[in-house]
C-alpha atoms as a PDB file:
ATOM      1  CA  MET A   1      89.296 132.151  99.385  1.00  0.00           C
ATOM      2  CA  VAL A   2      89.019 128.581 100.682  1.00  0.00           C
ATOM      3  CA  ASP A   3      88.313 128.193 104.383  1.00  0.00           C
ATOM      4  CA  MET A   4      91.111 125.849 105.486  1.00  0.00           C
ATOM      5  CA  ASP A   5      89.248 124.711 108.594  1.00  0.00           C
ATOM      6  CA  THR A   6      86.340 123.274 106.630  1.00  0.00           C
ATOM      7  CA  GLU A   7      88.328 121.754 103.776  1.00  0.00           C
ATOM      8  CA  PRO A   8      88.183 117.925 104.060  1.00  0.00           C
ATOM      9  CA  ILE A   9      91.491 116.136 104.560  1.00  0.00           C
ATOM     10  CA  LYS A  10      91.801 112.713 102.993  1.00  0.00           C
ATOM     11  CA  ASN A  11      92.307 110.075 105.645  1.00  0.00           C
ATOM     12  CA  ILE A  12      95.451 108.074 104.891  1.00  0.00           C
ATOM     13  CA  LYS A  13      94.696 104.419 105.575  1.00  0.00           C
ATOM     14  CA  LYS A  14      97.233 102.737 103.275  1.00  0.00           C
ATOM     15  CA  ILE A  15     100.765 103.844 102.377  1.00  0.00           C
ATOM     16  CA  LEU A  16     102.680 102.395  99.435  1.00  0.00           C
ATOM     17  CA  VAL A  17     106.478 102.633  99.600  1.00  0.00           C
ATOM     18  CA  GLY A  18     108.830 101.749  96.764  1.00  0.00           C
ATOM     19  CA  VAL A  19     112.115 100.150  97.812  1.00  0.00           C
ATOM     20  CA  ASP A  20     115.365  99.209  96.119  1.00  0.00           C
ATOM     21  CA  ASP A  21     118.971  99.192  97.329  1.00  0.00           C
ATOM     22  CA  SER A  22     119.487 102.968  97.150  1.00  0.00           C
ATOM     23  CA  GLU A  23     120.046 105.098 100.240  1.00  0.00           C
ATOM     24  CA  ASP A  24     117.092 107.312  99.260  1.00  0.00           C
ATOM     25  CA  ALA A  25     114.779 104.282  99.061  1.00  0.00           C
ATOM     26  CA  GLN A  26     115.900 103.144 102.506  1.00  0.00           C
ATOM     27  CA  LEU A  27     115.201 106.637 103.833  1.00  0.00           C
ATOM     28  CA  ALA A  28     111.786 106.583 102.127  1.00  0.00           C
ATOM     29  CA  PHE A  29     111.096 103.258 103.841  1.00  0.00           C
ATOM     30  CA  ARG A  30     111.928 104.732 107.260  1.00  0.00           C
ATOM     31  CA  VAL A  31     109.686 107.754 106.580  1.00  0.00           C
ATOM     32  CA  ALA A  32     106.890 105.433 105.408  1.00  0.00           C
ATOM     33  CA  MET A  33     107.188 103.316 108.570  1.00  0.00           C
ATOM     34  CA  ARG A  34     106.989 106.431 110.765  1.00  0.00           C
ATOM     35  CA  ARG A  35     103.912 107.699 108.855  1.00  0.00           C
ATOM     36  CA  ALA A  36     102.241 104.262 109.028  1.00  0.00           C
ATOM     37  CA  LEU A  37     102.825 104.118 112.776  1.00  0.00           C
ATOM     38  CA  ASP A  38     101.612 107.689 113.350  1.00  0.00           C
ATOM     39  CA  LEU A  39      98.471 107.160 111.243  1.00  0.00           C
ATOM     40  CA  ASN A  40      97.856 103.502 112.146  1.00  0.00           C
ATOM     41  CA  ALA A  41      97.917 102.848 108.400  1.00  0.00           C
ATOM     42  CA  THR A  42      98.613  99.702 106.415  1.00  0.00           C
ATOM     43  CA  LEU A  43     102.111  99.733 104.916  1.00  0.00           C
ATOM     44  CA  CYS A  44     102.478  98.182 101.476  1.00  0.00           C
ATOM     45  CA  ILE A  45     106.080  97.622 100.383  1.00  0.00           C
ATOM     46  CA  THR A  46     106.772  97.255  96.671  1.00  0.00           C
ATOM     47  CA  SER A  47     109.870  96.511  94.654  1.00  0.00           C
ATOM     48  CA  ILE A  48     110.124  96.113  90.911  1.00  0.00           C
ATOM     49  CA  LEU A  49     112.281  93.610  89.041  1.00  0.00           C
ATOM     50  CA  GLU A  50     113.555  95.801  86.210  1.00  0.00           C
ATOM     51  CA  SER A  51     114.178  93.653  83.144  1.00  0.00           C
ATOM     52  CA  ASP A  52     116.015  96.498  81.363  1.00  0.00           C
ATOM     53  CA  GLU A  53     118.881  96.005  83.829  1.00  0.00           C
ATOM     54  CA  MET A  54     119.464  92.473  82.490  1.00  0.00           C
ATOM     55  CA  ASN A  55     121.309  91.691  79.294  1.00  0.00           C
ATOM     56  CA  VAL A  56     119.424  89.942  76.506  1.00  0.00           C
ATOM     57  CA  PHE A  57     120.725  86.472  77.449  1.00  0.00           C
ATOM     58  CA  GLN A  58     119.787  86.931  81.113  1.00  0.00           C
ATOM     59  CA  ALA A  59     116.317  88.174  80.153  1.00  0.00           C
ATOM     60  CA  LEU A  60     115.784  85.088  77.980  1.00  0.00           C
ATOM     61  CA  SER A  61     116.864  82.716  80.732  1.00  0.00           C
ATOM     62  CA  ALA A  62     113.923  81.679  82.894  1.00  0.00           C
ATOM     63  CA  ASP A  63     116.352  80.378  85.531  1.00  0.00           C
ATOM     64  CA  TYR A  64     118.144  83.730  85.738  1.00  0.00           C
ATOM     65  CA  VAL A  65     114.903  85.743  85.982  1.00  0.00           C
ATOM     66  CA  HIS A  66     113.503  83.306  88.561  1.00  0.00           C
ATOM     67  CA  GLY A  67     116.699  83.623  90.612  1.00  0.00           C
ATOM     68  CA  GLU A  68     116.601  87.429  90.423  1.00  0.00           C
ATOM     69  CA  ARG A  69     112.956  87.433  91.488  1.00  0.00           C
ATOM     70  CA  GLN A  70     113.697  85.111  94.429  1.00  0.00           C
ATOM     71  CA  GLU A  71     116.481  87.452  95.569  1.00  0.00           C
ATOM     72  CA  LEU A  72     114.112  90.422  95.318  1.00  0.00           C
ATOM     73  CA  GLU A  73     111.405  88.552  97.261  1.00  0.00           C
ATOM     74  CA  LYS A  74     113.908  87.762 100.036  1.00  0.00           C
ATOM     75  CA  HIS A  75     115.023  91.384 100.124  1.00  0.00           C
ATOM     76  CA  VAL A  76     111.446  92.708 100.379  1.00  0.00           C
ATOM     77  CA  GLU A  77     110.629  90.110 103.041  1.00  0.00           C
ATOM     78  CA  GLU A  78     113.428  91.635 105.152  1.00  0.00           C
ATOM     79  CA  TYR A  79     111.745  95.038 104.821  1.00  0.00           C
ATOM     80  CA  ARG A  80     108.426  93.437 105.873  1.00  0.00           C
ATOM     81  CA  LYS A  81     110.026  91.918 108.991  1.00  0.00           C
ATOM     82  CA  ILE A  82     111.553  95.286 109.952  1.00  0.00           C
ATOM     83  CA  ALA A  83     108.158  96.991 109.587  1.00  0.00           C
ATOM     84  CA  LEU A  84     106.397  94.366 111.708  1.00  0.00           C
ATOM     85  CA  LYS A  85     109.127  94.555 114.359  1.00  0.00           C
ATOM     86  CA  ALA A  86     108.688  98.354 114.407  1.00  0.00           C
ATOM     87  CA  GLY A  87     105.065  97.823 115.448  1.00  0.00           C
ATOM     88  CA  ILE A  88     103.187  98.302 112.180  1.00  0.00           C
ATOM     89  CA  LYS A  89     100.171  96.019 112.434  1.00  0.00           C
ATOM     90  CA  ARG A  90      99.341  95.563 108.744  1.00  0.00           C
ATOM     91  CA  VAL A  91     102.179  95.064 106.245  1.00  0.00           C
ATOM     92  CA  GLU A  92     101.693  93.932 102.645  1.00  0.00           C
ATOM     93  CA  VAL A  93     104.269  93.152  99.965  1.00  0.00           C
ATOM     94  CA  VAL A  94     103.931  93.499  96.185  1.00  0.00           C
ATOM     95  CA  ILE A  95     106.587  92.408  93.680  1.00  0.00           C
ATOM     96  CA  ALA A  96     106.172  93.260  90.009  1.00  0.00           C
ATOM     97  CA  GLU A  97     108.301  93.286  86.870  1.00  0.00           C
ATOM     98  CA  GLY A  98     108.943  96.066  84.369  1.00  0.00           C
ATOM     99  CA  ASP A  99     109.987  99.703  84.389  1.00  0.00           C
ATOM    100  CA  ALA A 100     109.792 100.790  88.052  1.00  0.00           C
ATOM    101  CA  GLY A 101     107.956 104.105  87.673  1.00  0.00           C
ATOM    102  CA  GLU A 102     105.524 102.954  85.032  1.00  0.00           C
ATOM    103  CA  THR A 103     104.820  99.641  86.774  1.00  0.00           C
ATOM    104  CA  ILE A 104     104.111 101.309  90.128  1.00  0.00           C
ATOM    105  CA  ILE A 105     101.800 103.899  88.546  1.00  0.00           C
ATOM    106  CA  LYS A 106      99.960 101.678  86.062  1.00  0.00           C
ATOM    107  CA  ARG A 107      99.857  98.308  87.843  1.00  0.00           C
ATOM    108  CA  VAL A 108     100.738  98.458  91.535  1.00  0.00           C
ATOM    109  CA  ILE A 109      98.673 101.519  92.555  1.00  0.00           C
ATOM    110  CA  PRO A 110      95.454 100.258  90.867  1.00  0.00           C
ATOM    111  CA  LYS A 111      95.931  96.835  92.525  1.00  0.00           C
ATOM    112  CA  VAL A 112      96.865  98.080  96.014  1.00  0.00           C
ATOM    113  CA  GLU A 113      94.681 101.238  96.102  1.00  0.00           C
ATOM    114  CA  PRO A 114      96.911 103.217  98.492  1.00  0.00           C
ATOM    115  CA  ASP A 115      96.210 106.763  99.676  1.00  0.00           C
ATOM    116  CA  LEU A 116      99.854 107.879  99.588  1.00  0.00           C
ATOM    117  CA  LEU A 117     102.999 106.842  97.680  1.00  0.00           C
ATOM    118  CA  ILE A 118     106.376 107.420  99.356  1.00  0.00           C
ATOM    119  CA  ILE A 119     109.510 107.091  97.210  1.00  0.00           C
ATOM    120  CA  GLY A 120     113.171 108.058  97.289  1.00  0.00           C
ATOM    121  CA  ALA A 121     114.351 110.921  95.077  1.00  0.00           C
ATOM    122  CA  LEU A 122     117.098 108.863  93.435  1.00  0.00           C
ATOM    123  CA  SER A 123     116.906 105.290  92.254  1.00  0.00           C
ATOM    124  CA  LYS A 124     119.699 102.749  92.201  1.00  0.00           C
ATOM    125  CA  LYS A 125     122.928 103.809  90.573  1.00  0.00           C
ATOM    126  CA  GLY A 126     123.193 103.159  86.874  1.00  0.00           C
ATOM    127  CA  VAL A 127     121.724 104.335  83.610  1.00  0.00           C
ATOM    128  CA  LYS A 128     118.342 105.344  85.092  1.00  0.00           C
ATOM    129  CA  LYS A 129     120.006 107.797  87.450  1.00  0.00           C
ATOM    130  CA  PHE A 130     121.281 109.802  84.479  1.00  0.00           C
ATOM    131  CA  PHE A 131     118.293 109.584  82.135  1.00  0.00           C
ATOM    132  CA  GLY A 132     115.598 111.197  84.258  1.00  0.00           C
ATOM    133  CA  SER A 133     114.209 110.358  87.595  1.00  0.00           C
ATOM    134  CA  GLN A 134     111.677 107.638  88.290  1.00  0.00           C
ATOM    135  CA  ALA A 135     110.529 109.844  91.157  1.00  0.00           C
ATOM    136  CA  ALA A 136     109.738 112.715  88.786  1.00  0.00           C
ATOM    137  CA  TYR A 137     107.762 110.386  86.522  1.00  0.00           C
ATOM    138  CA  MET A 138     105.766 108.989  89.455  1.00  0.00           C
ATOM    139  CA  ALA A 139     105.104 112.416  90.985  1.00  0.00           C
ATOM    140  CA  LYS A 140     103.846 113.704  87.632  1.00  0.00           C
ATOM    141  CA  ASN A 141     101.710 110.702  86.698  1.00  0.00           C
ATOM    142  CA  SER A 142     100.450 109.316  90.004  1.00  0.00           C
ATOM    143  CA  PRO A 143      96.699 109.365  90.665  1.00  0.00           C
ATOM    144  CA  ILE A 144      97.449 109.738  94.396  1.00  0.00           C
ATOM    145  CA  SER A 145      99.627 112.063  96.502  1.00  0.00           C
ATOM    146  CA  VAL A 146     103.362 111.374  96.336  1.00  0.00           C
ATOM    147  CA  LEU A 147     105.958 112.140  99.003  1.00  0.00           C
ATOM    148  CA  VAL A 148     109.466 112.224  97.524  1.00  0.00           C
ATOM    149  CA  VAL A 149     112.180 111.735 100.127  1.00  0.00           C
ATOM    150  CA  ARG A 150     115.829 112.752  99.881  1.00  0.00           C
END
């Protein structure tokens, strides 16, 4: 039997939170802010521009993709301002493109090196919601602890 009192607990210094427009993601963001405040941790906010949500003509248009990315950057900047206003001292932002779950696991986590990933249980409405959860993929494949919020 493991002695719980002597088992080391990993110190959480950086929290990565995935955001989109879903209610669950907004709840995950609020939970992540609270945890970052309680632990005096850095909060890294990420959002993924999912090219599979664009039609083929939009995906081929550099202007369209650039416009979508600018909108996403503005949106994430709003999250950053809210976190700073809430009193979190260190807030980072990462924007990437691709499949949300895979991109966060394979590209964002290795780049950011967080200790904890906080995500909403359900992603934005649409096809993804019906064909398996991004949250389930991330929880199964993440190299770090994952807190799924609903």
